[in-house]
Protein backbone atom coordinates (compact mmCIF):
# COMPACT_ATOMS: atom_id res chain seq x y z
CA MET A 1 -52.18 -7.66 49.37
CA ASN A 2 -52.34 -5.82 52.69
CA PRO A 3 -51.55 -8.31 55.51
CA LEU A 4 -53.76 -6.31 57.92
CA VAL A 5 -57.49 -5.99 58.45
CA HIS A 6 -58.82 -3.17 60.61
CA LYS A 7 -62.34 -2.12 61.53
CA THR A 8 -63.60 0.48 63.99
CA LEU A 9 -67.02 -0.09 65.51
CA VAL A 10 -69.18 1.66 68.05
CA VAL A 11 -70.03 -0.88 70.74
CA GLN A 12 -71.88 -0.66 74.03
CA LEU A 13 -69.91 -1.09 77.26
CA SER A 14 -71.45 -1.81 80.63
CA ALA A 15 -69.65 -2.44 83.89
CA GLU A 16 -70.96 -3.14 87.36
CA GLY A 17 -73.67 -0.69 88.31
CA THR A 18 -73.59 1.28 85.05
CA GLU A 19 -75.87 1.67 82.08
CA ARG A 20 -74.62 0.92 78.58
CA CYS A 21 -72.17 3.50 77.30
CA PRO A 22 -71.03 3.80 73.67
CA VAL A 23 -67.29 3.31 73.15
CA LEU A 24 -65.11 2.68 70.11
CA ALA A 25 -63.74 -0.78 69.46
CA HIS A 26 -60.76 -0.92 67.12
CA LEU A 27 -60.43 -4.47 65.82
CA SER A 28 -57.27 -5.47 64.01
CA TYR A 29 -56.00 -8.67 62.46
CA ASP A 30 -52.43 -9.23 61.31
CA ALA A 31 -51.66 -12.17 59.01
CA ASP A 32 -48.31 -12.51 60.83
CA ASP A 33 -50.28 -13.40 64.01
CA PRO A 34 -52.99 -15.47 62.32
CA PHE A 35 -54.84 -16.85 65.34
CA ALA A 36 -55.44 -13.55 67.17
CA VAL A 37 -57.63 -10.48 66.85
CA THR A 38 -56.62 -7.41 68.86
CA ALA A 39 -59.47 -5.35 70.30
CA VAL A 40 -58.69 -1.89 71.65
CA PHE A 41 -61.56 -0.15 73.42
CA GLY A 42 -61.46 3.62 73.72
CA HIS A 43 -63.50 6.62 74.76
CA ASP A 44 -62.74 10.33 74.39
CA GLY A 45 -59.28 9.58 73.02
CA HIS A 46 -58.32 7.33 75.95
CA VAL A 47 -57.62 3.61 75.75
CA LEU A 48 -59.85 1.83 78.26
CA ALA A 49 -58.59 -1.69 77.60
CA GLN A 50 -56.79 -3.84 75.07
CA TRP A 51 -57.41 -7.56 74.64
CA ARG A 52 -56.07 -10.23 72.29
CA LEU A 53 -58.89 -12.54 71.32
CA ASP A 54 -58.86 -15.90 69.56
CA ARG A 55 -60.22 -15.48 66.01
CA GLU A 56 -61.96 -18.87 65.99
CA MET A 57 -63.53 -18.17 69.37
CA LEU A 58 -64.95 -14.87 68.04
CA GLN A 59 -66.43 -16.72 65.08
CA ASP A 60 -67.95 -19.41 67.29
CA GLY A 61 -69.34 -16.79 69.68
CA LEU A 62 -71.59 -15.50 66.91
CA THR A 63 -73.58 -18.74 66.99
CA ARG A 64 -73.14 -20.27 70.46
CA PRO A 65 -71.77 -19.53 73.93
CA VAL A 66 -67.99 -20.04 74.16
CA GLY A 67 -65.25 -19.37 76.69
CA ILE A 68 -64.61 -20.57 80.21
CA GLY A 69 -61.79 -18.26 81.26
CA ASP A 70 -61.42 -14.49 81.41
CA VAL A 71 -63.30 -13.94 78.14
CA ARG A 72 -66.74 -15.37 77.40
CA LEU A 73 -68.84 -14.78 74.31
CA ARG A 74 -72.39 -15.53 73.31
CA PRO A 75 -74.94 -14.43 70.74
CA VAL A 76 -77.91 -12.37 71.90
CA ALA A 77 -80.98 -11.75 69.76
CA THR A 78 -83.70 -9.21 70.48
CA GLY A 79 -86.17 -9.44 67.62
CA PRO A 80 -84.22 -8.75 64.43
CA TRP A 81 -81.32 -7.16 66.37
CA ARG A 82 -78.32 -9.52 66.70
CA GLU A 83 -75.48 -8.81 69.12
CA LEU A 84 -72.30 -10.51 70.19
CA ARG A 85 -72.00 -10.23 73.96
CA ILE A 86 -68.38 -10.32 75.16
CA GLU A 87 -67.84 -10.61 78.90
CA PHE A 88 -64.42 -9.75 80.28
CA LEU A 89 -63.48 -10.92 83.76
CA GLY A 90 -60.77 -8.95 85.53
CA ASP A 91 -58.82 -9.06 88.75
CA PHE A 92 -60.20 -10.52 91.95
CA ARG A 93 -61.57 -8.23 94.62
CA PRO A 94 -60.90 -8.69 98.34
CA ASP A 95 -64.36 -10.28 98.73
CA GLY A 96 -63.49 -12.97 96.15
CA SER A 97 -65.67 -11.60 93.36
CA ARG A 98 -64.12 -10.37 90.12
CA HIS A 99 -64.25 -7.11 88.25
CA HIS A 100 -66.10 -7.55 85.00
CA ALA A 101 -67.31 -5.63 82.01
CA VAL A 102 -69.60 -6.52 79.13
CA VAL A 103 -69.25 -5.31 75.56
CA SER A 104 -72.20 -5.68 73.21
CA ALA A 105 -71.32 -5.44 69.52
CA TRP A 106 -73.53 -5.59 66.44
CA ALA A 107 -73.04 -9.20 65.29
CA PRO A 108 -73.22 -8.51 61.52
CA ALA A 109 -70.32 -6.04 61.83
CA ILE A 110 -68.20 -8.61 63.69
CA ALA A 111 -69.11 -11.24 61.07
CA ALA A 112 -68.07 -8.87 58.25
CA PHE A 113 -64.73 -8.20 59.96
CA LEU A 114 -64.12 -11.94 60.39
CA ARG A 115 -64.98 -12.58 56.72
CA GLU A 116 -62.23 -10.15 55.75
CA THR A 117 -59.75 -11.97 58.01
CA ARG A 118 -60.71 -15.31 56.45
CA GLU A 119 -60.13 -13.88 52.97
CA LEU A 120 -56.64 -12.89 54.07
CA VAL A 121 -55.85 -16.13 55.93
CA PRO A 122 -58.42 -18.93 55.52
CA PRO A 123 -59.03 -21.14 58.57
CA GLY A 124 -56.66 -24.08 58.51
CA ARG A 125 -54.08 -22.13 56.49
CA GLU A 126 -52.63 -20.22 59.43
CA GLN A 127 -48.87 -20.46 59.73
CA VAL A 128 -46.72 -19.52 62.67
CA ARG A 129 -43.13 -18.78 61.81
CA VAL A 130 -41.60 -20.46 64.85
CA ASP A 131 -38.00 -20.30 63.60
CA ALA A 132 -38.20 -16.54 62.99
CA PHE A 133 -39.90 -16.03 66.35
CA LEU A 134 -37.21 -17.98 68.22
CA ALA A 135 -34.43 -16.17 66.35
CA GLU A 136 -35.94 -12.81 67.36
CA ILE A 137 -36.20 -13.84 71.03
CA LEU A 138 -32.67 -15.22 71.09
CA SER A 139 -31.25 -12.09 69.46
CA ARG A 140 -32.77 -9.98 72.24
CA ALA A 141 -31.12 -12.14 74.90
CA GLU A 142 -27.63 -11.39 73.62
């Protein structure tokens, strides 16, 4: 079985003062890092941003608002259209406000991706190989 799940989606990005712009979102899940989903956002062959997201938080964001830190998610419904709204908060500006961007993704596509990750590693069955991780870190220190 392949220990990776990958899906590329077209999502809508909006930042301060801009209209929605389509960008690619490359979502990947690695069974060796079972709690995280990596999201790489790109446009015209350039990486705009890369974030590591909590898999459970993504799942919860499909049904209710979650997040209190730099990443916040919530479902948005417009008629039959269902989106997952992901708000990313960035660095502080001199005036105390923060840079931010919003990604709107088609919720059924996110749900399908998460189903594949759960087939690979069901919730509650995640394992972190702490001994191997520590051995790798310690070998680098030598």
